[in-house]
Amino acid sequence: MLARQPRWAEALLALRNILVTPFGLKTSGASPTAPREMIGIFPIVSEQPDRLVAGFNDRHLDFRLVVDIATSGATQNVTATTLVLTHNWLGRTYLATIMPFHRLIVRTLLRQVAV
């Protein structure tokens, strides 16, 4: 789900990286203290057979993406939950700006899993 993003989402991420660089924000999730294992652009925080937690902390906000898989018989339900803790006005402004795009991208990624 996270490793295969649509090209338009990758283009939005590239634009985001250009726009946030002057503010000193992370551009890929990578940092000297980040876990070495990554999925897509996100460092893996923890991984279990039915749950993946990815994300990172930055000076403007802390971000986690939790992907859960619940199995019921032959059916699997995949849920994505985003958790964000903002630290300052920059984090609140950033979150308000990217939230519509974030929702669209997550819905698109979940639809890819359903196919």
C-alpha atoms as a PDB file:
ATOM      1  CA  MET A   1       0.000   0.000   0.000  1.00  0.00           C
ATOM      2  CA  LEU A   2       2.693   2.521   0.979  1.00  0.00           C
ATOM      3  CA  ALA A   3       5.348   1.290  -1.412  1.00  0.00           C
ATOM      4  CA  ARG A   4       3.215   1.855  -4.550  1.00  0.00           C
ATOM      5  CA  GLN A   5       1.930   5.401  -4.730  1.00  0.00           C
ATOM      6  CA  PRO A   6       0.232   6.852  -7.810  1.00  0.00           C
ATOM      7  CA  ARG A   7       2.403   9.162  -9.886  1.00  0.00           C
ATOM      8  CA  TRP A   8       0.225  12.184  -9.067  1.00  0.00           C
ATOM      9  CA  ALA A   9       0.769  11.524  -5.342  1.00  0.00           C
ATOM     10  CA  GLU A  10       4.526  11.255  -5.909  1.00  0.00           C
ATOM     11  CA  ALA A  11       4.393  14.574  -7.790  1.00  0.00           C
ATOM     12  CA  LEU A  12       2.537  16.204  -4.873  1.00  0.00           C
ATOM     13  CA  LEU A  13       5.150  14.846  -2.466  1.00  0.00           C
ATOM     14  CA  ALA A  14       7.966  16.235  -4.625  1.00  0.00           C
ATOM     15  CA  LEU A  15       6.252  19.641  -4.628  1.00  0.00           C
ATOM     16  CA  ARG A  16       5.776  19.430  -0.853  1.00  0.00           C
ATOM     17  CA  ASN A  17       9.475  18.657  -0.393  1.00  0.00           C
ATOM     18  CA  ILE A  18      10.454  21.734  -2.420  1.00  0.00           C
ATOM     19  CA  LEU A  19       8.043  23.980  -0.492  1.00  0.00           C
ATOM     20  CA  VAL A  20       9.030  22.858   3.040  1.00  0.00           C
ATOM     21  CA  THR A  21      12.812  22.829   2.564  1.00  0.00           C
ATOM     22  CA  PRO A  22      13.202  26.555   3.410  1.00  0.00           C
ATOM     23  CA  PHE A  23      11.443  25.892   6.733  1.00  0.00           C
ATOM     24  CA  GLY A  24      13.935  23.180   7.713  1.00  0.00           C
ATOM     25  CA  LEU A  25      11.333  20.399   7.723  1.00  0.00           C
ATOM     26  CA  LYS A  26      12.150  16.800   6.866  1.00  0.00           C
ATOM     27  CA  THR A  27      11.635  15.987   3.228  1.00  0.00           C
ATOM     28  CA  SER A  28      11.571  12.203   3.196  1.00  0.00           C
ATOM     29  CA  GLY A  29      11.151  10.970   6.728  1.00  0.00           C
ATOM     30  CA  ALA A  30      14.810   9.995   6.792  1.00  0.00           C
ATOM     31  CA  SER A  31      17.047  11.300   9.535  1.00  0.00           C
ATOM     32  CA  PRO A  32      20.182  10.163  11.363  1.00  0.00           C
ATOM     33  CA  THR A  33      18.012   8.890  14.231  1.00  0.00           C
ATOM     34  CA  ALA A  34      15.327   7.265  12.048  1.00  0.00           C
ATOM     35  CA  PRO A  35      15.062   3.481  11.904  1.00  0.00           C
ATOM     36  CA  ARG A  36      16.913   2.025   8.958  1.00  0.00           C
ATOM     37  CA  GLU A  37      13.924   0.060   7.731  1.00  0.00           C
ATOM     38  CA  MET A  38      11.579   2.111   5.564  1.00  0.00           C
ATOM     39  CA  ILE A  39       8.330   1.521   3.747  1.00  0.00           C
ATOM     40  CA  GLY A  40       7.856   4.013   0.974  1.00  0.00           C
ATOM     41  CA  ILE A  41       9.015   7.341   2.432  1.00  0.00           C
ATOM     42  CA  PHE A  42       8.244   6.428   6.041  1.00  0.00           C
ATOM     43  CA  PRO A  43      10.521   4.900   8.674  1.00  0.00           C
ATOM     44  CA  ILE A  44       8.968   1.802  10.262  1.00  0.00           C
ATOM     45  CA  VAL A  45       8.372   2.314  13.977  1.00  0.00           C
ATOM     46  CA  SER A  46       6.980  -1.181  14.640  1.00  0.00           C
ATOM     47  CA  GLU A  47       5.762  -4.118  12.601  1.00  0.00           C
ATOM     48  CA  GLN A  48       3.589  -7.087  13.473  1.00  0.00           C
ATOM     49  CA  PRO A  49       1.770  -9.528  11.170  1.00  0.00           C
ATOM     50  CA  ASP A  50      -1.491  -7.570  11.518  1.00  0.00           C
ATOM     51  CA  ARG A  51      -0.202  -4.026  12.192  1.00  0.00           C
ATOM     52  CA  LEU A  52       2.361  -1.637  10.775  1.00  0.00           C
ATOM     53  CA  VAL A  53       3.249   1.629  12.492  1.00  0.00           C
ATOM     54  CA  ALA A  54       5.319   4.073  10.448  1.00  0.00           C
ATOM     55  CA  GLY A  55       6.184   7.712  10.922  1.00  0.00           C
ATOM     56  CA  PHE A  56       8.608  10.157  12.449  1.00  0.00           C
ATOM     57  CA  ASN A  57       8.964  13.156  14.711  1.00  0.00           C
ATOM     58  CA  ASP A  58       9.857  16.595  13.404  1.00  0.00           C
ATOM     59  CA  ARG A  59      10.061  19.982  15.051  1.00  0.00           C
ATOM     60  CA  HIS A  60       6.620  21.065  13.799  1.00  0.00           C
ATOM     61  CA  LEU A  61       4.740  17.812  14.418  1.00  0.00           C
ATOM     62  CA  ASP A  62       4.953  14.092  15.254  1.00  0.00           C
ATOM     63  CA  PHE A  63       3.325  11.810  12.691  1.00  0.00           C
ATOM     64  CA  ARG A  64       2.299   8.160  12.789  1.00  0.00           C
ATOM     65  CA  LEU A  65       0.475   6.054  10.234  1.00  0.00           C
ATOM     66  CA  VAL A  66      -1.041   2.859  11.605  1.00  0.00           C
ATOM     67  CA  VAL A  67      -2.164   0.198   9.103  1.00  0.00           C
ATOM     68  CA  ASP A  68      -4.215  -2.603  10.660  1.00  0.00           C
ATOM     69  CA  ILE A  69      -5.372  -5.830   9.007  1.00  0.00           C
ATOM     70  CA  ALA A  70      -8.337  -7.609  10.582  1.00  0.00           C
ATOM     71  CA  THR A  71      -9.169 -11.080   9.279  1.00  0.00           C
ATOM     72  CA  SER A  72     -12.679 -12.506   9.498  1.00  0.00           C
ATOM     73  CA  GLY A  73     -12.960 -15.846   7.745  1.00  0.00           C
ATOM     74  CA  ALA A  74     -11.788 -15.361   4.162  1.00  0.00           C
ATOM     75  CA  THR A  75     -12.200 -11.583   4.377  1.00  0.00           C
ATOM     76  CA  GLN A  76      -9.531  -9.091   5.352  1.00  0.00           C
ATOM     77  CA  ASN A  77     -10.290  -5.501   6.311  1.00  0.00           C
ATOM     78  CA  VAL A  78      -7.506  -2.946   6.038  1.00  0.00           C
ATOM     79  CA  THR A  79      -7.704   0.237   8.095  1.00  0.00           C
ATOM     80  CA  ALA A  80      -5.351   3.208   7.940  1.00  0.00           C
ATOM     81  CA  THR A  81      -5.232   5.603  10.891  1.00  0.00           C
ATOM     82  CA  THR A  82      -3.196   8.782  10.932  1.00  0.00           C
ATOM     83  CA  LEU A  83      -2.105  10.278  14.246  1.00  0.00           C
ATOM     84  CA  VAL A  84      -0.610  13.755  14.364  1.00  0.00           C
ATOM     85  CA  LEU A  85       0.599  15.808  17.300  1.00  0.00           C
ATOM     86  CA  THR A  86       1.359  19.403  16.333  1.00  0.00           C
ATOM     87  CA  HIS A  87       3.983  21.329  18.293  1.00  0.00           C
ATOM     88  CA  ASN A  88       3.563  24.911  17.110  1.00  0.00           C
ATOM     89  CA  TRP A  89       1.870  27.261  14.646  1.00  0.00           C
ATOM     90  CA  LEU A  90       3.951  25.849  11.791  1.00  0.00           C
ATOM     91  CA  GLY A  91       2.672  22.339  12.545  1.00  0.00           C
ATOM     92  CA  ARG A  92      -0.949  23.500  12.748  1.00  0.00           C
ATOM     93  CA  THR A  93      -0.639  25.495   9.510  1.00  0.00           C
ATOM     94  CA  TYR A  94       1.117  22.631   7.730  1.00  0.00           C
ATOM     95  CA  LEU A  95      -1.511  20.124   8.863  1.00  0.00           C
ATOM     96  CA  ALA A  96      -4.400  22.349   7.754  1.00  0.00           C
ATOM     97  CA  THR A  97      -2.745  22.809   4.352  1.00  0.00           C
ATOM     98  CA  ILE A  98      -1.985  19.165   3.603  1.00  0.00           C
ATOM     99  CA  MET A  99      -5.062  17.506   5.163  1.00  0.00           C
ATOM    100  CA  PRO A 100      -7.257  17.543   2.000  1.00  0.00           C
ATOM    101  CA  PHE A 101      -4.396  16.010  -0.015  1.00  0.00           C
ATOM    102  CA  HIS A 102      -3.618  13.525   2.753  1.00  0.00           C
ATOM    103  CA  ARG A 103      -7.210  12.252   2.820  1.00  0.00           C
ATOM    104  CA  LEU A 104      -7.270  11.870  -0.955  1.00  0.00           C
ATOM    105  CA  ILE A 105      -3.960   9.992  -1.032  1.00  0.00           C
ATOM    106  CA  VAL A 106      -4.880   7.614   1.832  1.00  0.00           C
ATOM    107  CA  ARG A 107      -8.260   6.812   0.241  1.00  0.00           C
ATOM    108  CA  THR A 108      -6.528   6.121  -3.069  1.00  0.00           C
ATOM    109  CA  LEU A 109      -3.949   3.844  -1.423  1.00  0.00           C
ATOM    110  CA  LEU A 110      -6.684   1.918   0.410  1.00  0.00           C
ATOM    111  CA  ARG A 111      -8.588   1.458  -2.861  1.00  0.00           C
ATOM    112  CA  GLN A 112      -5.416  -0.077  -4.370  1.00  0.00           C
ATOM    113  CA  VAL A 113      -5.456  -2.678  -1.595  1.00  0.00           C
ATOM    114  CA  ALA A 114      -9.096  -3.535  -2.314  1.00  0.00           C
ATOM    115  CA  VAL A 115      -8.357  -4.422  -5.952  1.00  0.00           C
END
